[in-house]
Amino acid sequence: MPPRWPRKPDRNDPEFRKLDDRMNFAIHVAIAAAINSGLWFVHNLKATTWEWLPWLTASWTVVLLVHLIYIAAIANYTETPSKSA
């Protein structure tokens, strides 16, 4: 059963922002894993000479680490003042 948010989703809610950022990170990791594993599978299966593949994997890993550092240590999940009209 998928997780349910107990109240109306709102980006001003710090708990919702934190959960949303973590779910976006999980999707980012899944996409990176799927694409990289597929590329490495084809690379090994066809015995290709893709010199750029290790660079792509290393670069994507660095981007994932930066994303993780941002959501774990830098992002500010305190209450934001609501905008009044």
N, C-alpha and C. Protein backbone atom coordinates (compact mmCIF):
# COMPACT_ATOMS: atom_id res chain seq x y z
N MET A 1 0.83 -1.17 0.00
CA MET A 1 0.00 0.00 0.00
C MET A 1 0.89 1.25 0.00
N PRO A 2 0.63 2.19 -0.89
CA PRO A 2 1.46 3.39 -0.96
C PRO A 2 1.26 4.27 0.27
N PRO A 3 2.28 5.03 0.63
CA PRO A 3 2.13 5.91 1.80
C PRO A 3 1.10 7.00 1.52
N ARG A 4 0.40 7.40 2.56
CA ARG A 4 -0.60 8.46 2.43
C ARG A 4 -0.19 9.63 3.31
N TRP A 5 -0.38 10.81 2.80
CA TRP A 5 -0.10 12.02 3.57
C TRP A 5 -1.37 12.35 4.35
N PRO A 6 -1.27 12.54 5.68
CA PRO A 6 -2.47 12.68 6.49
C PRO A 6 -3.24 14.00 6.33
N ARG A 7 -2.64 14.96 5.64
CA ARG A 7 -3.31 16.24 5.46
C ARG A 7 -3.07 16.74 4.04
N LYS A 8 -3.64 17.87 3.69
CA LYS A 8 -3.49 18.42 2.34
C LYS A 8 -2.02 18.75 2.09
N PRO A 9 -1.43 18.22 1.00
CA PRO A 9 -0.02 18.51 0.68
C PRO A 9 0.19 20.00 0.44
N ASP A 10 1.23 20.53 1.07
CA ASP A 10 1.54 21.96 0.95
C ASP A 10 3.05 22.14 1.07
N ARG A 11 3.66 22.80 0.09
CA ARG A 11 5.11 23.00 0.12
C ARG A 11 5.54 23.91 1.27
N ASN A 12 4.63 24.60 1.92
CA ASN A 12 4.97 25.41 3.08
C ASN A 12 5.11 24.55 4.34
N ASP A 13 4.62 23.32 4.30
CA ASP A 13 4.72 22.39 5.42
C ASP A 13 6.13 21.78 5.42
N PRO A 14 6.93 22.02 6.47
CA PRO A 14 8.31 21.51 6.48
C PRO A 14 8.39 19.99 6.38
N GLU A 15 7.49 19.27 7.02
CA GLU A 15 7.52 17.81 6.95
C GLU A 15 7.25 17.33 5.53
N PHE A 16 6.32 17.98 4.84
CA PHE A 16 6.01 17.60 3.46
C PHE A 16 7.19 17.91 2.54
N ARG A 17 7.83 19.07 2.72
CA ARG A 17 9.00 19.42 1.89
C ARG A 17 10.11 18.39 2.08
N LYS A 18 10.34 17.99 3.32
CA LYS A 18 11.40 17.01 3.60
C LYS A 18 11.09 15.67 2.93
N LEU A 19 9.85 15.21 3.09
CA LEU A 19 9.46 13.95 2.45
C LEU A 19 9.53 14.06 0.93
N ASP A 20 9.07 15.16 0.38
CA ASP A 20 9.10 15.36 -1.07
C ASP A 20 10.53 15.36 -1.60
N ASP A 21 11.44 16.03 -0.90
CA ASP A 21 12.84 16.04 -1.33
C ASP A 21 13.45 14.64 -1.27
N ARG A 22 13.11 13.88 -0.26
CA ARG A 22 13.64 12.52 -0.14
C ARG A 22 13.08 11.59 -1.21
N MET A 23 11.81 11.77 -1.55
CA MET A 23 11.23 10.96 -2.62
C MET A 23 11.85 11.32 -3.96
N ASN A 24 12.10 12.60 -4.20
CA ASN A 24 12.78 13.02 -5.43
C ASN A 24 14.18 12.43 -5.50
N PHE A 25 14.88 12.39 -4.37
CA PHE A 25 16.21 11.78 -4.34
C PHE A 25 16.14 10.29 -4.66
N ALA A 26 15.15 9.60 -4.10
CA ALA A 26 15.00 8.16 -4.37
C ALA A 26 14.73 7.91 -5.85
N ILE A 27 13.93 8.75 -6.47
CA ILE A 27 13.68 8.61 -7.91
C ILE A 27 14.95 8.87 -8.70
N HIS A 28 15.72 9.88 -8.28
CA HIS A 28 16.99 10.18 -8.93
C HIS A 28 17.95 8.99 -8.85
N VAL A 29 18.02 8.36 -7.69
CA VAL A 29 18.88 7.18 -7.52
C VAL A 29 18.40 6.03 -8.41
N ALA A 30 17.09 5.81 -8.46
CA ALA A 30 16.55 4.71 -9.27
C ALA A 30 16.83 4.92 -10.75
N ILE A 31 16.66 6.15 -11.23
CA ILE A 31 16.93 6.44 -12.64
C ILE A 31 18.40 6.25 -12.95
N ALA A 32 19.26 6.75 -12.07
CA ALA A 32 20.71 6.59 -12.28
C ALA A 32 21.10 5.12 -12.29
N ALA A 33 20.56 4.35 -11.36
CA ALA A 33 20.90 2.92 -11.29
C ALA A 33 20.41 2.19 -12.54
N ALA A 34 19.21 2.48 -12.98
CA ALA A 34 18.66 1.79 -14.16
C ALA A 34 19.46 2.10 -15.41
N ILE A 35 19.75 3.37 -15.63
CA ILE A 35 20.47 3.76 -16.85
C ILE A 35 21.91 3.26 -16.82
N ASN A 36 22.58 3.44 -15.68
CA ASN A 36 23.98 3.01 -15.60
C ASN A 36 24.12 1.50 -15.70
N SER A 37 23.24 0.77 -15.03
CA SER A 37 23.36 -0.70 -15.11
C SER A 37 23.05 -1.18 -16.52
N GLY A 38 22.09 -0.55 -17.18
CA GLY A 38 21.80 -0.92 -18.57
C GLY A 38 22.97 -0.65 -19.49
N LEU A 39 23.58 0.52 -19.33
CA LEU A 39 24.74 0.85 -20.17
C LEU A 39 25.91 -0.10 -19.92
N TRP A 40 26.17 -0.41 -18.64
CA TRP A 40 27.27 -1.33 -18.33
C TRP A 40 26.96 -2.74 -18.83
N PHE A 41 25.71 -3.15 -18.78
CA PHE A 41 25.32 -4.47 -19.29
C PHE A 41 25.61 -4.56 -20.79
N VAL A 42 25.18 -3.55 -21.54
CA VAL A 42 25.42 -3.55 -22.99
C VAL A 42 26.92 -3.46 -23.26
N HIS A 43 27.61 -2.64 -22.50
CA HIS A 43 29.06 -2.48 -22.66
C HIS A 43 29.77 -3.83 -22.50
N ASN A 44 29.40 -4.59 -21.48
CA ASN A 44 30.04 -5.89 -21.26
C ASN A 44 29.56 -6.96 -22.22
N LEU A 45 28.26 -6.93 -22.57
CA LEU A 45 27.71 -7.94 -23.46
C LEU A 45 28.28 -7.80 -24.88
N LYS A 46 28.40 -6.60 -25.38
CA LYS A 46 28.87 -6.36 -26.74
C LYS A 46 30.37 -6.11 -26.82
N ALA A 47 31.05 -6.11 -25.67
CA ALA A 47 32.49 -5.83 -25.62
C ALA A 47 32.82 -4.53 -26.34
N THR A 48 32.06 -3.49 -26.02
CA THR A 48 32.28 -2.19 -26.65
C THR A 48 33.48 -1.49 -26.05
N THR A 49 33.92 -0.46 -26.71
CA THR A 49 35.03 0.35 -26.21
C THR A 49 34.51 1.76 -25.92
N TRP A 50 33.65 1.86 -24.94
CA TRP A 50 33.09 3.15 -24.55
C TRP A 50 33.96 3.76 -23.46
N GLU A 51 34.90 4.59 -23.85
CA GLU A 51 35.79 5.23 -22.88
C GLU A 51 35.04 6.24 -22.01
N TRP A 52 33.90 6.71 -22.47
CA TRP A 52 33.13 7.72 -21.74
C TRP A 52 32.27 7.14 -20.64
N LEU A 53 32.05 5.84 -20.65
CA LEU A 53 31.14 5.22 -19.68
C LEU A 53 31.61 5.35 -18.23
N PRO A 54 32.86 5.08 -17.91
CA PRO A 54 33.28 5.28 -16.51
C PRO A 54 33.14 6.74 -16.07
N TRP A 55 33.39 7.66 -16.99
CA TRP A 55 33.25 9.09 -16.67
C TRP A 55 31.78 9.44 -16.40
N LEU A 56 30.88 8.88 -17.18
CA LEU A 56 29.46 9.12 -16.97
C LEU A 56 29.03 8.59 -15.61
N THR A 57 29.44 7.38 -15.29
CA THR A 57 29.07 6.77 -14.01
C THR A 57 29.65 7.56 -12.84
N ALA A 58 30.90 7.93 -12.94
CA ALA A 58 31.54 8.71 -11.87
C ALA A 58 30.87 10.08 -11.71
N SER A 59 30.56 10.72 -12.82
CA SER A 59 29.92 12.04 -12.76
C SER A 59 28.53 11.94 -12.13
N TRP A 60 27.78 10.94 -12.53
CA TRP A 60 26.44 10.78 -11.99
C TRP A 60 26.49 10.45 -10.49
N THR A 61 27.51 9.69 -10.09
CA THR A 61 27.68 9.37 -8.67
C THR A 61 27.97 10.63 -7.87
N VAL A 62 28.80 11.51 -8.42
CA VAL A 62 29.10 12.78 -7.75
C VAL A 62 27.84 13.63 -7.64
N VAL A 63 27.05 13.68 -8.69
CA VAL A 63 25.79 14.44 -8.65
C VAL A 63 24.86 13.86 -7.59
N LEU A 64 24.77 12.54 -7.50
CA LEU A 64 23.94 11.92 -6.47
C LEU A 64 24.45 12.24 -5.06
N LEU A 65 25.75 12.24 -4.87
CA LEU A 65 26.31 12.58 -3.56
C LEU A 65 26.01 14.03 -3.18
N VAL A 66 26.13 14.93 -4.15
CA VAL A 66 25.80 16.34 -3.90
C VAL A 66 24.32 16.47 -3.54
N HIS A 67 23.47 15.77 -4.26
CA HIS A 67 22.04 15.79 -3.98
C HIS A 67 21.78 15.28 -2.56
N LEU A 68 22.42 14.18 -2.17
CA LEU A 68 22.26 13.62 -0.83
C LEU A 68 22.75 14.60 0.23
N ILE A 69 23.89 15.21 0.02
CA ILE A 69 24.41 16.18 0.99
C ILE A 69 23.45 17.35 1.13
N TYR A 70 22.88 17.79 0.02
CA TYR A 70 21.93 18.90 0.08
C TYR A 70 20.72 18.54 0.94
N ILE A 71 20.08 17.40 0.67
CA ILE A 71 18.86 17.09 1.42
C ILE A 71 19.15 16.68 2.85
N ALA A 72 20.35 16.16 3.13
CA ALA A 72 20.66 15.70 4.48
C ALA A 72 21.24 16.80 5.37
N ALA A 73 21.98 17.75 4.79
CA ALA A 73 22.70 18.70 5.63
C ALA A 73 22.43 20.17 5.32
N ILE A 74 22.07 20.49 4.10
CA ILE A 74 21.98 21.90 3.72
C ILE A 74 20.54 22.41 3.71
N ALA A 75 19.61 21.61 3.23
CA ALA A 75 18.23 22.06 3.07
C ALA A 75 17.65 22.51 4.41
N ASN A 76 16.92 23.61 4.36
CA ASN A 76 16.30 24.18 5.54
C ASN A 76 14.83 23.80 5.55
N TYR A 77 14.45 22.95 6.50
CA TYR A 77 13.08 22.48 6.57
C TYR A 77 12.32 23.13 7.73
N THR A 78 12.66 24.37 8.02
CA THR A 78 11.91 25.08 9.04
C THR A 78 10.66 25.69 8.43
N GLU A 79 9.78 26.11 9.30
CA GLU A 79 8.51 26.70 8.86
C GLU A 79 8.77 27.95 8.03
N THR A 80 8.10 28.04 6.88
CA THR A 80 8.20 29.23 6.04
C THR A 80 6.99 30.11 6.31
N PRO A 81 7.18 31.40 6.29
CA PRO A 81 6.03 32.28 6.52
C PRO A 81 5.03 32.16 5.39
N SER A 82 3.76 32.01 5.73
CA SER A 82 2.74 31.88 4.69
C SER A 82 2.49 33.24 4.04
N LYS A 83 2.19 33.19 2.77
CA LYS A 83 1.93 34.41 2.00
C LYS A 83 0.48 34.82 2.17
N SER A 84 0.27 36.02 2.61
CA SER A 84 -1.08 36.53 2.77
C SER A 84 -1.40 37.47 1.63
N ALA A 85 -2.60 37.36 1.09
CA ALA A 85 -2.98 38.22 -0.01
C ALA A 85 -3.60 39.50 0.49
